[in-house]
Amino acid sequence: MTTDMTTIPPLRSEQDGPALSELMTALPVATLVVRPDNSIADANVRAETLLNMARSAIVGSDVSRTIRMADMGARFDIWHSNKPISAYDVRVHAGRTAEMEVDLMIAPIVDHDGWRVVSIHSQSHARKIGHRGTAGGARSAMGAAAILAHEIKNPLSGIRGAAQLLESGNGGRDAALTQLICNEVDRIAALIDRMQDFTTDRTLECRSGNIYPLIDRAANIAAAGFAKNIRIIKRYDPSLPFAVINDDALVQVMINLLKNAAEALEHTAKPKIRVETAFRHGVSVVVGKGKGSAVLPIEIVVVDNGPGVPEHILDHLFNPFITGRRDGTGLGLALVDKLVRDMNGFVQYSRDREAGESTFRILLPMGMG
């Protein structure tokens, strides 16, 4: 079977339904249809606007010339692959526009070998779909955290000691007040300790390992403590290969996600948390900075049947100090994001409104063993 190289592969639609050209026009993101020889077969209105080019100039041009990668090392991985590819926060020269940072989503068209659909999300849209190419949120807090840790934590021990002396000097008459002071000092010290997790930019030592004992350890901690009244369901893929991980980091990531889920279920009548694993074929991302592409087939998801993340914080969910709880610190998910990225993976959030479930999905590189 041969494919017409001059026309777009026909797509079936229901009788009296919209034509393909109408669907392309209505798409809310810049979209291109690319032939097997990398020439562009079609472009929608959003693509014309983003590229600052007329459709007549876009159609027929080489996609690798129209969307010129600032990191040329990743070009082969993107434009000469038959697999679905997601390239997050990559620098490109798009059409006649200045260099910009975008997300590129490339999807092969089923039953039409070599044909692909390319969608281009500008920087503002990239933030809304939950992916961050760098740990920008976490890293932005590093300087502030280091300064606060130095300027605040050191005097805390002195304040706590003074409160204890005050209690002993008054024969215990002010025990309740001094205990309040000590408790607040301990709370602030614990908060500073958590902030210091963001002050390091050192590389995590990762190795190929079995994720299941680590997930189970985190689940056991949750079941014995903050999630003791919540049903935790495990659905593991028994054939899952090893992942490239840091043991302590993965345990901390899972504890934070389970704790986040447990807190979201505080007012849910029949609370439950589901932990699942799977192997996802064809999932790859472009890591940029000359590193090419990375395959991330190891999936871990934490699902809860709570109310979900408030709409007003979705765009900044993984940034430090962003929380939907009145008593939250907003550091748990930011640390998850940092640790997962330090393991060369990424984490994303999604909401299934029909099922009434929230999902945090972790994708990690595959190891050997």
Protein backbone atom coordinates (compact mmCIF):
# COMPACT_ATOMS: atom_id res chain seq x y z
CA MET A 1 0.00 0.00 0.00
CA THR A 2 1.42 3.38 -0.97
CA THR A 3 0.55 6.74 0.52
CA ASP A 4 -0.12 9.83 -1.59
CA MET A 5 2.77 12.13 -0.78
CA THR A 6 0.93 15.25 -1.90
CA THR A 7 -2.24 15.04 0.15
CA ILE A 8 -3.09 14.65 3.80
CA PRO A 9 -4.15 11.10 4.75
CA PRO A 10 -7.95 10.91 4.69
CA LEU A 11 -9.64 10.88 8.09
CA ARG A 12 -13.09 9.43 8.51
CA SER A 13 -15.77 11.61 10.04
CA GLU A 14 -19.43 11.11 10.77
CA GLN A 15 -21.92 12.08 8.09
CA ASP A 16 -22.57 15.83 8.10
CA GLY A 17 -19.69 16.22 10.56
CA PRO A 18 -16.98 18.87 10.22
CA ALA A 19 -14.42 18.48 7.46
CA LEU A 20 -10.74 17.98 8.30
CA SER A 21 -9.94 21.55 7.25
CA GLU A 22 -12.59 22.85 9.65
CA LEU A 23 -11.19 20.73 12.48
CA MET A 24 -7.69 22.04 11.82
CA THR A 25 -8.92 25.62 11.86
CA ALA A 26 -10.75 25.11 15.15
CA LEU A 27 -7.80 23.60 17.03
CA PRO A 28 -6.77 25.95 19.87
CA VAL A 29 -3.02 25.31 19.48
CA ALA A 30 -0.60 25.75 16.60
CA THR A 31 -0.77 22.49 14.61
CA LEU A 32 1.11 21.15 11.60
CA VAL A 33 0.62 17.97 9.55
CA VAL A 34 3.98 16.61 8.39
CA ARG A 35 4.68 14.16 5.54
CA PRO A 36 7.20 11.29 5.72
CA ASP A 37 9.78 13.44 3.89
CA ASN A 38 9.43 16.14 6.63
CA SER A 39 7.62 18.58 4.37
CA ILE A 40 4.62 20.31 5.91
CA ALA A 41 1.29 19.26 4.36
CA ASP A 42 -1.02 21.55 6.30
CA ALA A 43 -1.05 24.25 8.99
CA ASN A 44 -3.87 25.84 10.95
CA VAL A 45 -4.55 29.49 11.72
CA ARG A 46 -2.83 29.30 15.11
CA ALA A 47 0.31 28.03 13.40
CA GLU A 48 0.25 30.98 11.00
CA THR A 49 0.04 33.35 13.96
CA LEU A 50 2.76 31.64 16.00
CA LEU A 51 5.17 31.31 13.08
CA ASN A 52 4.31 34.74 11.69
CA MET A 53 3.99 33.16 8.23
CA ALA A 54 1.17 32.74 5.74
CA ARG A 55 -0.16 29.22 5.24
CA SER A 56 1.04 29.28 1.63
CA ALA A 57 4.60 29.83 2.87
CA ILE A 58 4.36 27.13 5.56
CA VAL A 59 2.88 24.34 3.40
CA GLY A 60 5.59 22.55 1.48
CA SER A 61 8.45 23.82 3.64
CA ASP A 62 10.76 21.50 5.58
CA VAL A 63 9.55 21.28 9.17
CA SER A 64 13.13 21.17 10.48
CA ARG A 65 13.79 24.51 8.75
CA THR A 66 10.50 26.10 9.73
CA ILE A 67 10.96 25.04 13.37
CA ARG A 68 14.70 25.32 13.87
CA MET A 69 15.95 23.80 17.09
CA ALA A 70 18.33 25.97 19.09
CA ASP A 71 19.78 22.71 20.40
CA MET A 72 20.70 21.07 17.10
CA GLY A 73 21.84 17.92 18.90
CA ALA A 74 18.20 16.98 19.44
CA ARG A 75 17.11 17.46 15.81
CA PHE A 76 17.50 13.84 14.71
CA ASP A 77 15.61 12.57 17.74
CA ILE A 78 12.66 14.81 17.00
CA TRP A 79 12.20 14.86 13.24
CA HIS A 80 13.39 11.36 12.38
CA SER A 81 11.48 9.24 14.86
CA ASN A 82 8.38 7.12 14.40
CA LYS A 83 7.53 7.28 18.12
CA PRO A 84 5.38 9.83 19.95
CA ILE A 85 7.68 12.53 21.31
CA SER A 86 7.11 15.30 23.83
CA ALA A 87 9.79 17.99 23.97
CA TYR A 88 9.23 20.30 26.92
CA ASP A 89 10.59 23.85 27.22
CA VAL A 90 12.91 23.65 24.21
CA ARG A 91 14.35 26.73 22.55
CA VAL A 92 13.38 27.08 18.89
CA HIS A 93 13.42 29.62 16.08
CA ALA A 94 9.82 29.28 14.87
CA GLY A 95 9.17 30.66 11.39
CA ARG A 96 9.85 34.37 11.27
CA THR A 97 9.63 34.90 15.03
CA ALA A 98 12.48 35.44 17.44
CA GLU A 99 13.83 32.52 19.46
CA MET A 100 11.21 31.29 21.92
CA GLU A 101 10.66 28.53 24.44
CA VAL A 102 7.92 26.06 23.53
CA ASP A 103 6.58 22.56 24.08
CA LEU A 104 6.54 20.35 20.98
CA MET A 105 4.17 17.38 20.82
CA ILE A 106 4.73 15.01 17.90
CA ALA A 107 2.21 12.20 17.30
CA PRO A 108 2.40 9.64 14.45
CA ILE A 109 -0.81 9.19 12.45
CA VAL A 110 -2.05 5.62 12.82
CA ASP A 111 -1.95 3.49 9.64
CA HIS A 112 -0.08 6.20 7.70
CA ASP A 113 3.62 5.44 8.06
CA GLY A 114 5.79 8.52 8.46
CA TRP A 115 2.92 11.01 8.74
CA ARG A 116 2.86 13.05 11.94
CA VAL A 117 0.86 15.76 13.68
CA VAL A 118 2.97 18.42 15.40
CA SER A 119 1.45 20.74 17.99
CA ILE A 120 3.40 23.73 19.29
CA HIS A 121 2.59 25.13 22.73
CA SER A 122 4.05 28.52 23.56
CA GLN A 123 5.66 29.13 26.96
CA SER A 124 2.45 30.44 28.54
CA HIS A 125 0.57 27.30 27.55
CA ALA A 126 3.40 25.01 28.62
CA ARG A 127 2.93 26.03 32.24
CA LYS A 128 -0.76 25.09 32.14
CA ILE A 129 -0.24 21.43 31.21
CA GLY A 130 1.85 20.62 34.22
CA HIS A 131 5.33 20.08 32.79
CA ARG A 132 8.45 21.97 33.63
CA GLY A 133 11.65 21.43 31.66
CA THR A 134 13.77 22.70 34.51
CA ALA A 135 13.13 22.70 38.21
CA GLY A 136 12.50 26.42 37.99
CA GLY A 137 10.06 26.58 40.89
CA ALA A 138 12.25 24.67 43.27
CA ARG A 139 15.47 26.34 42.17
CA SER A 140 13.99 29.80 42.52
CA ALA A 141 13.71 29.17 46.28
CA MET A 142 17.34 28.07 46.75
CA GLY A 143 18.81 31.47 47.46
CA ALA A 144 15.98 32.53 49.74
CA ALA A 145 16.06 29.22 51.61
CA ALA A 146 19.80 29.41 52.26
CA ILE A 147 19.53 32.95 53.60
CA LEU A 148 16.54 32.14 55.80
CA ALA A 149 18.18 29.01 57.15
CA HIS A 150 21.24 31.01 58.18
CA GLU A 151 19.46 34.08 59.53
CA ILE A 152 16.55 32.40 61.31
CA LYS A 153 17.57 28.93 62.44
CA ASN A 154 20.67 29.98 64.40
CA PRO A 155 18.80 32.25 66.87
CA LEU A 156 16.07 29.66 67.40
CA SER A 157 18.16 27.52 69.73
CA GLY A 158 18.84 30.61 71.85
CA ILE A 159 15.15 31.44 72.05
CA ARG A 160 14.31 27.87 73.06
CA GLY A 161 17.02 27.87 75.72
CA ALA A 162 15.82 31.20 77.12
CA ALA A 163 12.26 29.85 77.38
CA GLN A 164 13.48 26.81 79.31
CA LEU A 165 15.48 29.02 81.68
CA LEU A 166 12.44 31.24 82.20
CA GLU A 167 10.36 28.20 83.14
CA SER A 168 12.88 26.90 85.67
CA GLY A 169 13.43 30.38 87.16
CA ASN A 170 9.72 30.88 87.86
CA GLY A 171 9.23 27.52 89.54
CA GLY A 172 7.11 26.27 86.67
CA ARG A 173 4.44 28.98 87.07
CA ASP A 174 4.72 29.92 83.38
CA ALA A 175 5.07 26.34 82.12
CA ALA A 176 2.19 26.62 79.66
CA LEU A 177 3.57 29.83 78.13
CA THR A 178 7.15 28.58 77.89
CA GLN A 179 5.99 25.29 76.42
CA LEU A 180 4.10 27.25 73.77
CA ILE A 181 7.29 29.13 72.95
CA CYS A 182 9.26 25.86 72.71
CA ASN A 183 6.63 24.24 70.50
CA GLU A 184 6.58 27.19 68.11
CA VAL A 185 10.39 27.24 67.96
CA ASP A 186 10.41 23.52 67.12
CA ARG A 187 7.77 24.06 64.43
CA ILE A 188 9.76 26.86 62.79
CA ALA A 189 12.97 24.83 62.99
CA ALA A 190 11.26 21.92 61.24
CA LEU A 191 10.02 24.26 58.52
CA ILE A 192 13.53 25.62 58.01
CA ASP A 193 14.88 22.06 57.79
CA ARG A 194 12.43 21.36 54.98
CA MET A 195 13.37 24.58 53.20
CA GLN A 196 17.03 23.55 53.31
CA ASP A 197 16.18 20.64 51.02
CA PHE A 198 16.03 23.25 48.24
CA THR A 199 19.41 24.81 48.94
CA THR A 200 21.40 21.98 47.39
CA ASP A 201 21.92 21.58 43.66
CA ARG A 202 24.17 18.55 43.92
CA THR A 203 23.53 15.59 41.65
CA LEU A 204 21.73 12.65 43.20
CA GLU A 205 23.54 9.34 43.04
CA CYS A 206 21.14 7.10 41.12
CA ARG A 207 21.40 3.41 40.35
CA SER A 208 19.34 0.70 38.74
CA GLY A 209 16.96 -0.71 41.34
CA ASN A 210 13.64 -2.30 42.20
CA ILE A 211 11.02 0.35 42.98
CA TYR A 212 8.59 -1.96 44.78
CA PRO A 213 10.31 -2.29 48.19
CA LEU A 214 10.64 1.49 48.26
CA ILE A 215 6.99 2.11 47.36
CA ASP A 216 5.93 -0.46 49.95
CA ARG A 217 8.08 1.22 52.61
CA ALA A 218 6.40 4.57 51.94
CA ALA A 219 2.93 2.96 51.89
CA ASN A 220 3.62 1.22 55.23
CA ILE A 221 4.72 4.51 56.78
CA ALA A 222 1.52 6.15 55.50
CA ALA A 223 -0.71 3.30 56.71
CA ALA A 224 0.81 3.46 60.19
CA GLY A 225 0.47 7.21 60.48
CA PHE A 226 -1.17 9.96 58.46
CA ALA A 227 -3.22 7.56 56.28
CA LYS A 228 -4.15 5.00 58.94
CA ASN A 229 -7.89 5.49 58.29
CA ILE A 230 -7.61 5.43 54.50
CA ARG A 231 -7.71 2.36 52.29
CA ILE A 232 -4.52 2.11 50.22
CA ILE A 233 -4.89 -0.09 47.12
CA LYS A 234 -1.79 -1.37 45.29
CA ARG A 235 -1.91 -2.40 41.66
CA TYR A 236 1.57 -3.36 40.53
CA ASP A 237 2.83 -4.54 37.16
CA PRO A 238 4.77 -7.70 38.13
CA SER A 239 6.87 -7.61 34.95
CA LEU A 240 8.08 -4.04 35.45
CA PRO A 241 11.87 -3.73 34.94
CA PHE A 242 14.20 -1.85 37.25
CA ALA A 243 14.28 1.95 37.21
CA VAL A 244 17.19 4.37 37.59
CA ILE A 245 16.52 5.83 41.03
CA ASN A 246 17.90 7.13 44.28
CA ASP A 247 16.35 4.98 47.02
CA ASP A 248 15.96 7.68 49.67
CA ALA A 249 14.67 10.21 47.15
CA LEU A 250 12.01 7.85 45.79
CA VAL A 251 10.82 6.96 49.30
CA GLN A 252 10.53 10.68 50.13
CA VAL A 253 8.67 11.37 46.88
CA MET A 254 6.16 8.61 47.60
CA ILE A 255 5.66 9.71 51.23
CA ASN A 256 5.00 13.27 50.09
CA LEU A 257 2.51 12.18 47.41
CA LEU A 258 0.71 9.82 49.78
CA LYS A 259 0.55 12.53 52.45
CA ASN A 260 -0.77 15.00 49.89
CA ALA A 261 -3.46 12.50 48.90
CA ALA A 262 -4.37 11.77 52.52
CA GLU A 263 -4.78 15.47 53.28
CA ALA A 264 -6.98 15.90 50.21
CA LEU A 265 -9.26 13.12 51.51
CA GLU A 266 -9.85 14.71 54.90
CA HIS A 267 -13.54 15.38 54.20
CA THR A 268 -14.21 12.49 51.80
CA ALA A 269 -16.81 9.94 52.97
CA LYS A 270 -15.10 6.79 51.61
CA PRO A 271 -11.46 7.81 51.17
CA LYS A 272 -9.11 5.64 49.17
CA ILE A 273 -5.68 5.96 47.63
CA ARG A 274 -4.54 3.84 44.72
CA VAL A 275 -0.88 3.24 43.88
CA GLU A 276 -0.27 1.76 40.44
CA THR A 277 2.73 1.00 38.26
CA ALA A 278 2.98 0.35 34.53
CA PHE A 279 5.41 0.21 31.63
CA ARG A 280 4.61 2.89 29.04
CA HIS A 281 5.97 2.14 25.59
CA GLY A 282 7.04 5.02 23.37
CA VAL A 283 7.16 7.69 26.09
CA SER A 284 10.19 9.90 25.55
CA VAL A 285 11.12 13.49 26.21
CA VAL A 286 13.79 15.85 24.96
CA VAL A 287 15.96 16.95 27.85
CA GLY A 288 17.73 19.75 25.98
CA LYS A 289 21.15 21.32 26.58
CA GLY A 290 22.74 18.91 24.11
CA LYS A 291 21.63 15.77 26.01
CA GLY A 292 19.27 14.51 23.30
CA SER A 293 16.17 12.53 24.21
CA ALA A 294 15.37 10.38 27.23
CA VAL A 295 13.04 7.40 27.37
CA LEU A 296 10.90 7.36 30.53
CA PRO A 297 8.85 4.16 30.45
CA ILE A 298 8.57 3.45 34.20
CA GLU A 299 5.29 4.89 35.47
CA ILE A 300 4.16 5.27 39.08
CA VAL A 301 0.79 6.87 39.78
CA VAL A 302 -0.84 7.93 43.04
CA VAL A 303 -4.60 8.35 42.67
CA ASP A 304 -7.10 9.64 45.24
CA ASN A 305 -10.85 10.22 45.16
CA GLY A 306 -10.66 13.62 46.81
CA PRO A 307 -11.96 16.96 45.47
CA GLY A 308 -8.83 17.76 43.45
CA VAL A 309 -6.49 20.72 43.31
CA PRO A 310 -8.16 24.17 43.39
CA GLU A 311 -8.23 25.77 39.94
CA HIS A 312 -6.48 28.94 41.08
CA ILE A 313 -3.23 27.14 42.00
CA LEU A 314 -3.03 24.64 39.11
CA ASP A 315 -0.59 26.76 37.10
CA HIS A 316 1.83 26.94 40.05
CA LEU A 317 1.15 23.60 41.73
CA PHE A 318 4.78 22.51 41.98
CA ASN A 319 6.19 25.87 43.06
CA PRO A 320 7.30 26.32 46.70
CA PHE A 321 4.83 27.85 49.18
CA ILE A 322 1.82 27.12 46.91
CA THR A 323 -0.87 25.23 48.82
CA GLY A 324 -4.62 24.78 48.89
CA ARG A 325 -4.66 24.12 52.65
CA ARG A 326 -4.84 26.83 55.31
CA ASP A 327 -2.28 25.00 57.44
CA GLY A 328 -0.07 23.80 54.57
CA THR A 329 3.51 24.88 53.93
CA GLY A 330 3.46 24.38 50.15
CA LEU A 331 6.81 22.56 50.19
CA GLY A 332 5.76 18.91 49.76
CA LEU A 333 4.97 18.93 46.03
CA ALA A 334 7.83 21.32 45.26
CA LEU A 335 10.22 18.82 46.83
CA VAL A 336 8.59 16.00 44.84
CA ASP A 337 9.21 17.94 41.65
CA LYS A 338 12.85 18.61 42.53
CA LEU A 339 13.67 15.04 43.57
CA VAL A 340 11.99 13.48 40.54
CA ARG A 341 13.89 15.80 38.23
CA ASP A 342 17.12 15.02 40.06
CA MET A 343 16.41 11.40 39.09
CA ASN A 344 16.00 12.53 35.44
CA GLY A 345 12.26 11.94 35.45
CA PHE A 346 9.24 14.18 35.64
CA VAL A 347 5.97 14.41 37.53
CA GLN A 348 2.59 15.71 36.38
CA TYR A 349 -0.90 16.19 37.80
CA SER A 350 -4.21 15.45 36.11
CA ARG A 351 -7.87 15.39 37.13
CA ASP A 352 -10.50 12.96 35.86
CA ARG A 353 -13.72 14.86 36.56
CA GLU A 354 -15.96 12.03 35.38
CA ALA A 355 -14.33 9.49 37.72
CA GLY A 356 -13.85 12.05 40.48
CA GLU A 357 -10.16 11.20 40.83
CA SER A 358 -6.89 13.13 41.03
CA THR A 359 -3.68 11.58 39.71
CA PHE A 360 -0.03 12.38 40.26
CA ARG A 361 2.02 10.54 37.63
CA ILE A 362 5.78 9.95 37.87
CA LEU A 363 7.80 8.83 34.83
CA LEU A 364 11.32 7.50 35.39
CA PRO A 365 14.11 6.12 33.19
CA MET A 366 14.51 2.35 32.92
CA GLY A 367 17.49 0.64 34.51
CA MET A 368 19.20 -2.69 33.93
CA GLY A 369 18.55 -5.83 35.92
